[in-house]
Amino acid sequence: MPAAAAQPVPPPPLRYQRCGWCAAADFLPRALCRLCGSDDLAWEESAGSGYVHHAVAAPRADRRPGQHAVVVALDEGFHLPGVVVGAAARPVPVDARVRIVSVPGAGRRRPVFRLVRP
């Protein structure tokens, strides 16, 4: 019997809080909404898609070649710092669409995103 082809493993869910009163979204866990002060916060799962809000071109020792530091505006309404991989040496354009490929945890400090081809 031939071995089944390995399927790519999806990243674990990226969870964030949404305010039930003003609908603000926030990645950082909070007891009160940062906008309205409500305690009506619920956890939701992000789809993991967004766009590059800010990109940093300066190299750092803790990033390998082909990794670019960015701040991503997720479609759900919150911003998240991370790195984009697979962009080679070219700069990552602001407003480029990205999708998350790994979330913080298990030894990773930052989420990792990959450019989405239009």
PDB file of N, CA and C in Angstrom:
ATOM      1  N   MET A   1       0.844  -1.168   0.000  1.00  0.00           N
ATOM      2  CA  MET A   1       0.000   0.000   0.000  1.00  0.00           C
ATOM      3  C   MET A   1       0.893   1.236   0.000  1.00  0.00           C
ATOM      4  N   PRO A   2       0.707   2.186  -0.956  1.00  0.00           N
ATOM      5  CA  PRO A   2       1.560   3.371  -1.012  1.00  0.00           C
ATOM      6  C   PRO A   2       1.276   4.304   0.156  1.00  0.00           C
ATOM      7  N   ALA A   3       2.331   4.963   0.576  1.00  0.00           N
ATOM      8  CA  ALA A   3       2.199   5.913   1.694  1.00  0.00           C
ATOM      9  C   ALA A   3       1.422   7.138   1.226  1.00  0.00           C
ATOM     10  N   ALA A   4       0.575   7.628   2.106  1.00  0.00           N
ATOM     11  CA  ALA A   4      -0.217   8.823   1.781  1.00  0.00           C
ATOM     12  C   ALA A   4       0.702  10.042   1.773  1.00  0.00           C
ATOM     13  N   ALA A   5       0.400  10.958   0.864  1.00  0.00           N
ATOM     14  CA  ALA A   5       1.185  12.190   0.789  1.00  0.00           C
ATOM     15  C   ALA A   5       0.952  13.013   2.053  1.00  0.00           C
ATOM     16  N   ALA A   6       2.018  13.572   2.566  1.00  0.00           N
ATOM     17  CA  ALA A   6       1.917  14.372   3.783  1.00  0.00           C
ATOM     18  C   ALA A   6       1.162  15.667   3.497  1.00  0.00           C
ATOM     19  N   GLN A   7       0.155  15.937   4.288  1.00  0.00           N
ATOM     20  CA  GLN A   7      -0.621  17.163   4.156  1.00  0.00           C
ATOM     21  C   GLN A   7       0.018  18.246   5.021  1.00  0.00           C
ATOM     22  N   PRO A   8       0.053  19.512   4.535  1.00  0.00           N
ATOM     23  CA  PRO A   8       0.602  20.566   5.372  1.00  0.00           C
ATOM     24  C   PRO A   8      -0.240  20.741   6.637  1.00  0.00           C
ATOM     25  N   VAL A   9       0.438  20.930   7.747  1.00  0.00           N
ATOM     26  CA  VAL A   9      -0.242  21.086   9.024  1.00  0.00           C
ATOM     27  C   VAL A   9      -0.606  22.556   9.199  1.00  0.00           C
ATOM     28  N   PRO A  10      -1.886  22.867   9.420  1.00  0.00           N
ATOM     29  CA  PRO A  10      -2.251  24.268   9.611  1.00  0.00           C
ATOM     30  C   PRO A  10      -1.711  24.778  10.944  1.00  0.00           C
ATOM     31  N   PRO A  11      -1.428  26.091  11.023  1.00  0.00           N
ATOM     32  CA  PRO A  11      -0.936  26.622  12.294  1.00  0.00           C
ATOM     33  C   PRO A  11      -2.033  26.555  13.352  1.00  0.00           C
ATOM     34  N   PRO A  12      -1.650  26.497  14.631  1.00  0.00           N
ATOM     35  CA  PRO A  12      -2.674  26.533  15.675  1.00  0.00           C
ATOM     36  C   PRO A  12      -3.427  27.854  15.595  1.00  0.00           C
ATOM     37  N   PRO A  13      -4.625  27.911  16.153  1.00  0.00           N
ATOM     38  CA  PRO A  13      -5.417  29.138  16.027  1.00  0.00           C
ATOM     39  C   PRO A  13      -4.759  30.335  16.714  1.00  0.00           C
ATOM     40  N   LEU A  14      -4.927  31.476  16.095  1.00  0.00           N
ATOM     41  CA  LEU A  14      -4.478  32.750  16.661  1.00  0.00           C
ATOM     42  C   LEU A  14      -5.697  33.352  17.346  1.00  0.00           C
ATOM     43  N   ARG A  15      -5.650  33.431  18.676  1.00  0.00           N
ATOM     44  CA  ARG A  15      -6.802  33.897  19.444  1.00  0.00           C
ATOM     45  C   ARG A  15      -6.620  35.354  19.843  1.00  0.00           C
ATOM     46  N   TYR A  16      -7.727  36.066  19.906  1.00  0.00           N
ATOM     47  CA  TYR A  16      -7.736  37.470  20.305  1.00  0.00           C
ATOM     48  C   TYR A  16      -9.043  37.739  21.043  1.00  0.00           C
ATOM     49  N   GLN A  17      -9.120  38.898  21.705  1.00  0.00           N
ATOM     50  CA  GLN A  17     -10.330  39.266  22.423  1.00  0.00           C
ATOM     51  C   GLN A  17     -11.120  40.316  21.643  1.00  0.00           C
ATOM     52  N   ARG A  18     -12.444  40.174  21.667  1.00  0.00           N
ATOM     53  CA  ARG A  18     -13.333  41.158  21.043  1.00  0.00           C
ATOM     54  C   ARG A  18     -14.291  41.659  22.122  1.00  0.00           C
ATOM     55  N   CYS A  19     -14.473  42.986  22.162  1.00  0.00           N
ATOM     56  CA  CYS A  19     -15.383  43.613  23.109  1.00  0.00           C
ATOM     57  C   CYS A  19     -16.818  43.454  22.616  1.00  0.00           C
ATOM     58  N   GLY A  20     -17.687  42.995  23.477  1.00  0.00           N
ATOM     59  CA  GLY A  20     -19.084  42.820  23.119  1.00  0.00           C
ATOM     60  C   GLY A  20     -19.857  44.127  23.084  1.00  0.00           C
ATOM     61  N   TRP A  21     -19.299  45.174  23.653  1.00  0.00           N
ATOM     62  CA  TRP A  21     -19.998  46.450  23.684  1.00  0.00           C
ATOM     63  C   TRP A  21     -19.611  47.343  22.512  1.00  0.00           C
ATOM     64  N   CYS A  22     -18.291  47.536  22.272  1.00  0.00           N
ATOM     65  CA  CYS A  22     -17.860  48.449  21.195  1.00  0.00           C
ATOM     66  C   CYS A  22     -17.253  47.713  20.003  1.00  0.00           C
ATOM     67  N   ALA A  23     -17.090  46.392  20.087  1.00  0.00           N
ATOM     68  CA  ALA A  23     -16.570  45.527  19.013  1.00  0.00           C
ATOM     69  C   ALA A  23     -15.072  45.708  18.744  1.00  0.00           C
ATOM     70  N   ALA A  24     -14.336  46.388  19.629  1.00  0.00           N
ATOM     71  CA  ALA A  24     -12.884  46.523  19.459  1.00  0.00           C
ATOM     72  C   ALA A  24     -12.215  45.158  19.599  1.00  0.00           C
ATOM     73  N   ALA A  25     -11.158  44.945  18.821  1.00  0.00           N
ATOM     74  CA  ALA A  25     -10.393  43.700  18.876  1.00  0.00           C
ATOM     75  C   ALA A  25      -9.012  43.989  19.438  1.00  0.00           C
ATOM     76  N   ASP A  26      -8.484  43.051  20.241  1.00  0.00           N
ATOM     77  CA  ASP A  26      -7.158  43.222  20.831  1.00  0.00           C
ATOM     78  C   ASP A  26      -6.493  41.866  20.974  1.00  0.00           C
ATOM     79  N   PHE A  27      -5.222  41.795  20.573  1.00  0.00           N
ATOM     80  CA  PHE A  27      -4.481  40.538  20.686  1.00  0.00           C
ATOM     81  C   PHE A  27      -4.031  40.285  22.121  1.00  0.00           C
ATOM     82  N   LEU A  28      -3.654  41.335  22.840  1.00  0.00           N
ATOM     83  CA  LEU A  28      -3.165  41.170  24.212  1.00  0.00           C
ATOM     84  C   LEU A  28      -4.325  40.875  25.161  1.00  0.00           C
ATOM     85  N   PRO A  29      -4.180  39.868  26.027  1.00  0.00           N
ATOM     86  CA  PRO A  29      -5.249  39.573  26.989  1.00  0.00           C
ATOM     87  C   PRO A  29      -5.447  40.756  27.937  1.00  0.00           C
ATOM     88  N   ARG A  30      -6.684  41.139  28.141  1.00  0.00           N
ATOM     89  CA  ARG A  30      -7.013  42.266  29.008  1.00  0.00           C
ATOM     90  C   ARG A  30      -8.233  41.911  29.854  1.00  0.00           C
ATOM     91  N   ALA A  31      -8.355  42.585  30.996  1.00  0.00           N
ATOM     92  CA  ALA A  31      -9.534  42.437  31.847  1.00  0.00           C
ATOM     93  C   ALA A  31     -10.634  43.399  31.406  1.00  0.00           C
ATOM     94  N   LEU A  32     -10.228  44.543  30.832  1.00  0.00           N
ATOM     95  CA  LEU A  32     -11.173  45.556  30.370  1.00  0.00           C
ATOM     96  C   LEU A  32     -10.816  45.972  28.949  1.00  0.00           C
ATOM     97  N   CYS A  33     -11.820  46.367  28.187  1.00  0.00           N
ATOM     98  CA  CYS A  33     -11.599  46.849  26.829  1.00  0.00           C
ATOM     99  C   CYS A  33     -10.735  48.097  26.857  1.00  0.00           C
ATOM    100  N   ARG A  34      -9.749  48.166  25.974  1.00  0.00           N
ATOM    101  CA  ARG A  34      -8.840  49.313  25.946  1.00  0.00           C
ATOM    102  C   ARG A  34      -9.517  50.567  25.400  1.00  0.00           C
ATOM    103  N   LEU A  35     -10.652  50.426  24.704  1.00  0.00           N
ATOM    104  CA  LEU A  35     -11.332  51.594  24.151  1.00  0.00           C
ATOM    105  C   LEU A  35     -12.463  52.103  25.034  1.00  0.00           C
ATOM    106  N   CYS A  36     -13.346  51.202  25.479  1.00  0.00           N
ATOM    107  CA  CYS A  36     -14.531  51.662  26.199  1.00  0.00           C
ATOM    108  C   CYS A  36     -14.535  51.289  27.674  1.00  0.00           C
ATOM    109  N   GLY A  37     -13.625  50.417  28.109  1.00  0.00           N
ATOM    110  CA  GLY A  37     -13.561  50.028  29.518  1.00  0.00           C
ATOM    111  C   GLY A  37     -14.521  48.917  29.907  1.00  0.00           C
ATOM    112  N   SER A  38     -15.261  48.360  28.963  1.00  0.00           N
ATOM    113  CA  SER A  38     -16.204  47.282  29.260  1.00  0.00           C
ATOM    114  C   SER A  38     -15.456  46.013  29.658  1.00  0.00           C
ATOM    115  N   ASP A  39     -16.095  45.200  30.509  1.00  0.00           N
ATOM    116  CA  ASP A  39     -15.518  43.899  30.846  1.00  0.00           C
ATOM    117  C   ASP A  39     -16.173  42.774  30.044  1.00  0.00           C
ATOM    118  N   ASP A  40     -16.970  43.127  29.043  1.00  0.00           N
ATOM    119  CA  ASP A  40     -17.663  42.164  28.182  1.00  0.00           C
ATOM    120  C   ASP A  40     -16.732  41.747  27.043  1.00  0.00           C
ATOM    121  N   LEU A  41     -15.697  40.968  27.373  1.00  0.00           N
ATOM    122  CA  LEU A  41     -14.707  40.524  26.395  1.00  0.00           C
ATOM    123  C   LEU A  41     -14.870  39.032  26.133  1.00  0.00           C
ATOM    124  N   ALA A  42     -14.784  38.645  24.881  1.00  0.00           N
ATOM    125  CA  ALA A  42     -14.890  37.237  24.501  1.00  0.00           C
ATOM    126  C   ALA A  42     -13.719  36.872  23.602  1.00  0.00           C
ATOM    127  N   TRP A  43     -13.240  35.629  23.736  1.00  0.00           N
ATOM    128  CA  TRP A  43     -12.157  35.135  22.890  1.00  0.00           C
ATOM    129  C   TRP A  43     -12.713  34.683  21.553  1.00  0.00           C
ATOM    130  N   GLU A  44     -11.999  35.037  20.475  1.00  0.00           N
ATOM    131  CA  GLU A  44     -12.348  34.606  19.126  1.00  0.00           C
ATOM    132  C   GLU A  44     -11.081  34.115  18.433  1.00  0.00           C
ATOM    133  N   GLU A  45     -11.260  33.401  17.326  1.00  0.00           N
ATOM    134  CA  GLU A  45     -10.124  32.918  16.539  1.00  0.00           C
ATOM    135  C   GLU A  45      -9.995  33.747  15.274  1.00  0.00           C
ATOM    136  N   SER A  46      -8.776  34.192  14.999  1.00  0.00           N
ATOM    137  CA  SER A  46      -8.494  34.965  13.790  1.00  0.00           C
ATOM    138  C   SER A  46      -8.339  34.028  12.602  1.00  0.00           C
ATOM    139  N   ALA A  47      -8.742  34.514  11.438  1.00  0.00           N
ATOM    140  CA  ALA A  47      -8.523  33.743  10.206  1.00  0.00           C
ATOM    141  C   ALA A  47      -7.047  33.766   9.809  1.00  0.00           C
ATOM    142  N   GLY A  48      -6.273  34.728  10.358  1.00  0.00           N
ATOM    143  CA  GLY A  48      -4.837  34.782  10.100  1.00  0.00           C
ATOM    144  C   GLY A  48      -4.432  35.557   8.873  1.00  0.00           C
ATOM    145  N   SER A  49      -5.361  36.277   8.254  1.00  0.00           N
ATOM    146  CA  SER A  49      -5.050  37.062   7.063  1.00  0.00           C
ATOM    147  C   SER A  49      -5.065  38.544   7.399  1.00  0.00           C
ATOM    148  N   GLY A  50      -4.224  39.292   6.702  1.00  0.00           N
ATOM    149  CA  GLY A  50      -4.178  40.734   6.904  1.00  0.00           C
ATOM    150  C   GLY A  50      -3.271  41.381   5.890  1.00  0.00           C
ATOM    151  N   TYR A  51      -2.836  42.600   6.204  1.00  0.00           N
ATOM    152  CA  TYR A  51      -1.932  43.314   5.314  1.00  0.00           C
ATOM    153  C   TYR A  51      -0.805  43.932   6.125  1.00  0.00           C
ATOM    154  N   VAL A  52       0.322  44.172   5.470  1.00  0.00           N
ATOM    155  CA  VAL A  52       1.488  44.775   6.121  1.00  0.00           C
ATOM    156  C   VAL A  52       1.164  46.246   6.374  1.00  0.00           C
ATOM    157  N   HIS A  53       1.135  46.605   7.641  1.00  0.00           N
ATOM    158  CA  HIS A  53       0.859  47.986   8.045  1.00  0.00           C
ATOM    159  C   HIS A  53       2.159  48.789   8.101  1.00  0.00           C
ATOM    160  N   HIS A  54       3.242  48.129   8.520  1.00  0.00           N
ATOM    161  CA  HIS A  54       4.541  48.784   8.660  1.00  0.00           C
ATOM    162  C   HIS A  54       5.622  47.730   8.455  1.00  0.00           C
ATOM    163  N   ALA A  55       6.664  48.083   7.738  1.00  0.00           N
ATOM    164  CA  ALA A  55       7.781  47.156   7.510  1.00  0.00           C
ATOM    165  C   ALA A  55       9.082  47.826   7.926  1.00  0.00           C
ATOM    166  N   VAL A  56       9.960  47.049   8.550  1.00  0.00           N
ATOM    167  CA  VAL A  56      11.254  47.559   9.004  1.00  0.00           C
ATOM    168  C   VAL A  56      12.335  46.985   8.107  1.00  0.00           C
ATOM    169  N   ALA A  57      13.149  47.857   7.541  1.00  0.00           N
ATOM    170  CA  ALA A  57      14.191  47.417   6.616  1.00  0.00           C
ATOM    171  C   ALA A  57      15.525  47.151   7.310  1.00  0.00           C
ATOM    172  N   ALA A  58      15.696  47.632   8.521  1.00  0.00           N
ATOM    173  CA  ALA A  58      16.986  47.493   9.212  1.00  0.00           C
ATOM    174  C   ALA A  58      17.250  46.033   9.579  1.00  0.00           C
ATOM    175  N   PRO A  59      18.438  45.504   9.241  1.00  0.00           N
ATOM    176  CA  PRO A  59      18.761  44.119   9.604  1.00  0.00           C
ATOM    177  C   PRO A  59      19.038  44.006  11.099  1.00  0.00           C
ATOM    178  N   ARG A  60      18.754  42.829  11.653  1.00  0.00           N
ATOM    179  CA  ARG A  60      19.055  42.552  13.058  1.00  0.00           C
ATOM    180  C   ARG A  60      19.700  41.178  13.152  1.00  0.00           C
ATOM    181  N   ALA A  61      20.451  40.986  14.212  1.00  0.00           N
ATOM    182  CA  ALA A  61      21.172  39.729  14.372  1.00  0.00           C
ATOM    183  C   ALA A  61      20.241  38.538  14.588  1.00  0.00           C
ATOM    184  N   ASP A  62      19.040  38.758  15.133  1.00  0.00           N
ATOM    185  CA  ASP A  62      18.157  37.629  15.428  1.00  0.00           C
ATOM    186  C   ASP A  62      17.231  37.261  14.262  1.00  0.00           C
ATOM    187  N   ARG A  63      17.415  37.887  13.093  1.00  0.00           N
ATOM    188  CA  ARG A  63      16.629  37.533  11.911  1.00  0.00           C
ATOM    189  C   ARG A  63      17.542  36.944  10.853  1.00  0.00           C
ATOM    190  N   ARG A  64      17.105  35.859  10.254  1.00  0.00           N
ATOM    191  CA  ARG A  64      17.868  35.247   9.169  1.00  0.00           C
ATOM    192  C   ARG A  64      17.608  36.000   7.877  1.00  0.00           C
ATOM    193  N   PRO A  65      18.479  35.855   6.874  1.00  0.00           N
ATOM    194  CA  PRO A  65      18.202  36.466   5.567  1.00  0.00           C
ATOM    195  C   PRO A  65      16.853  35.983   5.041  1.00  0.00           C
ATOM    196  N   GLY A  66      16.114  36.882   4.425  1.00  0.00           N
ATOM    197  CA  GLY A  66      14.790  36.535   3.914  1.00  0.00           C
ATOM    198  C   GLY A  66      13.684  36.736   4.924  1.00  0.00           C
ATOM    199  N   GLN A  67      14.014  37.177   6.152  1.00  0.00           N
ATOM    200  CA  GLN A  67      13.005  37.495   7.159  1.00  0.00           C
ATOM    201  C   GLN A  67      12.937  39.005   7.312  1.00  0.00           C
ATOM    202  N   HIS A  68      11.729  39.540   7.310  1.00  0.00           N
ATOM    203  CA  HIS A  68      11.529  40.974   7.402  1.00  0.00           C
ATOM    204  C   HIS A  68      10.593  41.277   8.561  1.00  0.00           C
ATOM    205  N   ALA A  69      11.000  42.186   9.456  1.00  0.00           N
ATOM    206  CA  ALA A  69      10.150  42.569  10.580  1.00  0.00           C
ATOM    207  C   ALA A  69       9.021  43.450  10.077  1.00  0.00           C
ATOM    208  N   VAL A  70       7.806  43.144  10.522  1.00  0.00           N
ATOM    209  CA  VAL A  70       6.626  43.872  10.074  1.00  0.00           C
ATOM    210  C   VAL A  70       5.642  44.034  11.224  1.00  0.00           C
ATOM    211  N   VAL A  71       4.715  44.946  11.048  1.00  0.00           N
ATOM    212  CA  VAL A  71       3.510  45.013  11.866  1.00  0.00           C
ATOM    213  C   VAL A  71       2.365  44.734  10.904  1.00  0.00           C
ATOM    214  N   VAL A  72       1.571  43.720  11.223  1.00  0.00           N
ATOM    215  CA  VAL A  72       0.483  43.303  10.350  1.00  0.00           C
ATOM    216  C   VAL A  72      -0.842  43.752  10.951  1.00  0.00           C
ATOM    217  N   ALA A  73      -1.680  44.355  10.128  1.00  0.00           N
ATOM    218  CA  ALA A  73      -3.055  44.687  10.514  1.00  0.00           C
ATOM    219  C   ALA A  73      -3.924  43.498  10.102  1.00  0.00           C
ATOM    220  N   LEU A  74      -4.382  42.736  11.081  1.00  0.00           N
ATOM    221  CA  LEU A  74      -5.220  41.574  10.789  1.00  0.00           C
ATOM    222  C   LEU A  74      -6.609  42.034  10.375  1.00  0.00           C
ATOM    223  N   ASP A  75      -7.272  41.237   9.562  1.00  0.00           N
ATOM    224  CA  ASP A  75      -8.598  41.587   9.051  1.00  0.00           C
ATOM    225  C   ASP A  75      -9.620  41.774  10.165  1.00  0.00           C
ATOM    226  N   GLU A  76      -9.396  41.182  11.320  1.00  0.00           N
ATOM    227  CA  GLU A  76     -10.335  41.298  12.436  1.00  0.00           C
ATOM    228  C   GLU A  76     -10.223  42.630  13.173  1.00  0.00           C
ATOM    229  N   GLY A  77      -9.155  43.426  12.884  1.00  0.00           N
ATOM    230  CA  GLY A  77      -9.075  44.761  13.455  1.00  0.00           C
ATOM    231  C   GLY A  77      -7.983  45.004  14.474  1.00  0.00           C
ATOM    232  N   PHE A  78      -7.054  44.081  14.673  1.00  0.00           N
ATOM    233  CA  PHE A  78      -5.950  44.329  15.604  1.00  0.00           C
ATOM    234  C   PHE A  78      -4.626  44.233  14.866  1.00  0.00           C
ATOM    235  N   HIS A  79      -3.590  44.838  15.446  1.00  0.00           N
ATOM    236  CA  HIS A  79      -2.246  44.843  14.858  1.00  0.00           C
ATOM    237  C   HIS A  79      -1.362  43.867  15.621  1.00  0.00           C
ATOM    238  N   LEU A  80      -0.440  43.248  14.893  1.00  0.00           N
ATOM    239  CA  LEU A  80       0.411  42.232  15.481  1.00  0.00           C
ATOM    240  C   LEU A  80       1.804  42.314  14.872  1.00  0.00           C
ATOM    241  N   PRO A  81       2.849  42.501  15.709  1.00  0.00           N
ATOM    242  CA  PRO A  81       4.208  42.479  15.161  1.00  0.00           C
ATOM    243  C   PRO A  81       4.617  41.043  14.840  1.00  0.00           C
ATOM    244  N   GLY A  82       5.424  40.896  13.795  1.00  0.00           N
ATOM    245  CA  GLY A  82       5.885  39.574  13.413  1.00  0.00           C
ATOM    246  C   GLY A  82       6.960  39.675  12.356  1.00  0.00           C
ATOM    247  N   VAL A  83       7.207  38.570  11.685  1.00  0.00           N
ATOM    248  CA  VAL A  83       8.168  38.554  10.586  1.00  0.00           C
ATOM    249  C   VAL A  83       7.509  37.950   9.361  1.00  0.00           C
ATOM    250  N   VAL A  84       7.936  38.414   8.185  1.00  0.00           N
ATOM    251  CA  VAL A  84       7.493  37.840   6.914  1.00  0.00           C
ATOM    252  C   VAL A  84       8.653  37.023   6.371  1.00  0.00           C
ATOM    253  N   VAL A  85       8.379  35.788   5.962  1.00  0.00           N
ATOM    254  CA  VAL A  85       9.401  34.937   5.362  1.00  0.00           C
ATOM    255  C   VAL A  85       9.066  34.745   3.893  1.00  0.00           C
ATOM    256  N   GLY A  86      10.069  34.380   3.125  1.00  0.00           N
ATOM    257  CA  GLY A  86       9.865  34.082   1.724  1.00  0.00           C
ATOM    258  C   GLY A  86       9.827  35.298   0.827  1.00  0.00           C
ATOM    259  N   ALA A  87      10.293  36.440   1.315  1.00  0.00           N
ATOM    260  CA  ALA A  87      10.292  37.649   0.488  1.00  0.00           C
ATOM    261  C   ALA A  87      11.671  37.904  -0.101  1.00  0.00           C
ATOM    262  N   ALA A  88      12.591  36.984   0.080  1.00  0.00           N
ATOM    263  CA  ALA A  88      13.969  37.107  -0.417  1.00  0.00           C
ATOM    264  C   ALA A  88      14.592  38.407   0.057  1.00  0.00           C
ATOM    265  N   ALA A  89      15.389  39.025  -0.777  1.00  0.00           N
ATOM    266  CA  ALA A  89      16.112  40.233  -0.360  1.00  0.00           C
ATOM    267  C   ALA A  89      15.327  41.507  -0.645  1.00  0.00           C
ATOM    268  N   ARG A  90      14.243  41.388  -1.381  1.00  0.00           N
ATOM    269  CA  ARG A  90      13.497  42.605  -1.713  1.00  0.00           C
ATOM    270  C   ARG A  90      12.712  43.091  -0.490  1.00  0.00           C
ATOM    271  N   PRO A  91      12.454  44.397  -0.412  1.00  0.00           N
ATOM    272  CA  PRO A  91      11.681  44.910   0.715  1.00  0.00           C
ATOM    273  C   PRO A  91      10.228  44.425   0.653  1.00  0.00           C
ATOM    274  N   VAL A  92       9.636  44.276   1.817  1.00  0.00           N
ATOM    275  CA  VAL A  92       8.224  43.890   1.888  1.00  0.00           C
ATOM    276  C   VAL A  92       7.397  45.158   1.723  1.00  0.00           C
ATOM    277  N   PRO A  93       6.539  45.222   0.714  1.00  0.00           N
ATOM    278  CA  PRO A  93       5.767  46.453   0.503  1.00  0.00           C
ATOM    279  C   PRO A  93       4.660  46.621   1.542  1.00  0.00           C
ATOM    280  N   VAL A  94       4.459  47.862   1.968  1.00  0.00           N
ATOM    281  CA  VAL A  94       3.332  48.183   2.832  1.00  0.00           C
ATOM    282  C   VAL A  94       2.061  47.905   2.043  1.00  0.00           C
ATOM    283  N   ASP A  95       1.036  47.431   2.697  1.00  0.00           N
ATOM    284  CA  ASP A  95      -0.251  47.034   2.116  1.00  0.00           C
ATOM    285  C   ASP A  95      -0.216  45.678   1.414  1.00  0.00           C
ATOM    286  N   ALA A  96       0.926  44.968   1.433  1.00  0.00           N
ATOM    287  CA  ALA A  96       0.978  43.623   0.852  1.00  0.00           C
ATOM    288  C   ALA A  96       0.140  42.678   1.710  1.00  0.00           C
ATOM    289  N   ARG A  97      -0.621  41.796   1.080  1.00  0.00           N
ATOM    290  CA  ARG A  97      -1.427  40.817   1.800  1.00  0.00           C
ATOM    291  C   ARG A  97      -0.523  39.698   2.314  1.00  0.00           C
ATOM    292  N   VAL A  98      -0.797  39.259   3.554  1.00  0.00           N
ATOM    293  CA  VAL A  98      -0.033  38.182   4.181  1.00  0.00           C
ATOM    294  C   VAL A  98      -0.996  37.222   4.870  1.00  0.00           C
ATOM    295  N   ARG A  99      -0.482  36.029   5.145  1.00  0.00           N
ATOM    296  CA  ARG A  99      -1.234  35.005   5.881  1.00  0.00           C
ATOM    297  C   ARG A  99      -0.294  34.396   6.897  1.00  0.00           C
ATOM    298  N   ILE A 100      -0.801  34.129   8.089  1.00  0.00           N
ATOM    299  CA  ILE A 100       0.024  33.584   9.164  1.00  0.00           C
ATOM    300  C   ILE A 100       0.359  32.117   8.872  1.00  0.00           C
ATOM    301  N   VAL A 101       1.624  31.737   9.158  1.00  0.00           N
ATOM    302  CA  VAL A 101       2.034  30.339   8.984  1.00  0.00           C
ATOM    303  C   VAL A 101       2.445  29.709  10.306  1.00  0.00           C
ATOM    304  N   SER A 102       2.782  30.518  11.322  1.00  0.00           N
ATOM    305  CA  SER A 102       3.027  29.980  12.666  1.00  0.00           C
ATOM    306  C   SER A 102       2.750  31.070  13.685  1.00  0.00           C
ATOM    307  N   VAL A 103       2.286  30.652  14.844  1.00  0.00           N
ATOM    308  CA  VAL A 103       1.918  31.583  15.908  1.00  0.00           C
ATOM    309  C   VAL A 103       2.968  31.542  17.019  1.00  0.00           C
ATOM    310  N   PRO A 104       2.996  32.565  17.899  1.00  0.00           N
ATOM    311  CA  PRO A 104       3.948  32.545  19.008  1.00  0.00           C
ATOM    312  C   PRO A 104       3.715  31.330  19.901  1.00  0.00           C
ATOM    313  N   GLY A 105       4.782  30.881  20.515  1.00  0.00           N
ATOM    314  CA  GLY A 105       4.715  29.711  21.387  1.00  0.00           C
ATOM    315  C   GLY A 105       5.651  28.637  20.872  1.00  0.00           C
ATOM    316  N   ALA A 106       5.870  27.632  21.658  1.00  0.00           N
ATOM    317  CA  ALA A 106       6.753  26.515  21.307  1.00  0.00           C
ATOM    318  C   ALA A 106       8.112  27.023  20.848  1.00  0.00           C
ATOM    319  N   GLY A 107       8.661  27.989  21.592  1.00  0.00           N
ATOM    320  CA  GLY A 107       9.986  28.506  21.275  1.00  0.00           C
ATOM    321  C   GLY A 107      10.000  29.678  20.316  1.00  0.00           C
ATOM    322  N   ARG A 108       8.867  30.042  19.758  1.00  0.00           N
ATOM    323  CA  ARG A 108       8.797  31.184  18.837  1.00  0.00           C
ATOM    324  C   ARG A 108       8.333  32.415  19.605  1.00  0.00           C
ATOM    325  N   ARG A 109       9.042  33.521  19.394  1.00  0.00           N
ATOM    326  CA  ARG A 109       8.663  34.764  20.072  1.00  0.00           C
ATOM    327  C   ARG A 109       7.688  35.589  19.249  1.00  0.00           C
ATOM    328  N   ARG A 110       7.757  35.452  17.936  1.00  0.00           N
ATOM    329  CA  ARG A 110       6.922  36.276  17.058  1.00  0.00           C
ATOM    330  C   ARG A 110       6.154  35.389  16.087  1.00  0.00           C
ATOM    331  N   PRO A 111       4.978  35.831  15.678  1.00  0.00           N
ATOM    332  CA  PRO A 111       4.290  35.088  14.626  1.00  0.00           C
ATOM    333  C   PRO A 111       5.021  35.245  13.299  1.00  0.00           C
ATOM    334  N   VAL A 112       4.872  34.263  12.442  1.00  0.00           N
ATOM    335  CA  VAL A 112       5.518  34.264  11.134  1.00  0.00           C
ATOM    336  C   VAL A 112       4.426  34.331  10.071  1.00  0.00           C
ATOM    337  N   PHE A 113       4.609  35.244   9.117  1.00  0.00           N
ATOM    338  CA  PHE A 113       3.664  35.443   8.025  1.00  0.00           C
ATOM    339  C   PHE A 113       4.350  35.144   6.700  1.00  0.00           C
ATOM    340  N   ARG A 114       3.559  34.836   5.678  1.00  0.00           N
ATOM    341  CA  ARG A 114       4.051  34.633   4.325  1.00  0.00           C
ATOM    342  C   ARG A 114       3.224  35.521   3.399  1.00  0.00           C
ATOM    343  N   LEU A 115       3.905  36.094   2.405  1.00  0.00           N
ATOM    344  CA  LEU A 115       3.211  36.933   1.425  1.00  0.00           C
ATOM    345  C   LEU A 115       2.189  36.106   0.659  1.00  0.00           C
ATOM    346  N   VAL A 116       1.039  36.703   0.389  1.00  0.00           N
ATOM    347  CA  VAL A 116      -0.009  36.067  -0.398  1.00  0.00           C
ATOM    348  C   VAL A 116       0.049  36.668  -1.795  1.00  0.00           C
ATOM    349  N   ARG A 117       0.127  35.829  -2.771  1.00  0.00           N
ATOM    350  CA  ARG A 117       0.174  36.314  -4.158  1.00  0.00           C
ATOM    351  C   ARG A 117      -1.211  36.767  -4.575  1.00  0.00           C
ATOM    352  N   PRO A 118      -1.311  37.969  -5.192  1.00  0.00           N
ATOM    353  CA  PRO A 118      -2.640  38.439  -5.601  1.00  0.00           C
ATOM    354  C   PRO A 118      -3.215  37.634  -6.748  1.00  0.00           C
TER     355      PRO A 118
END
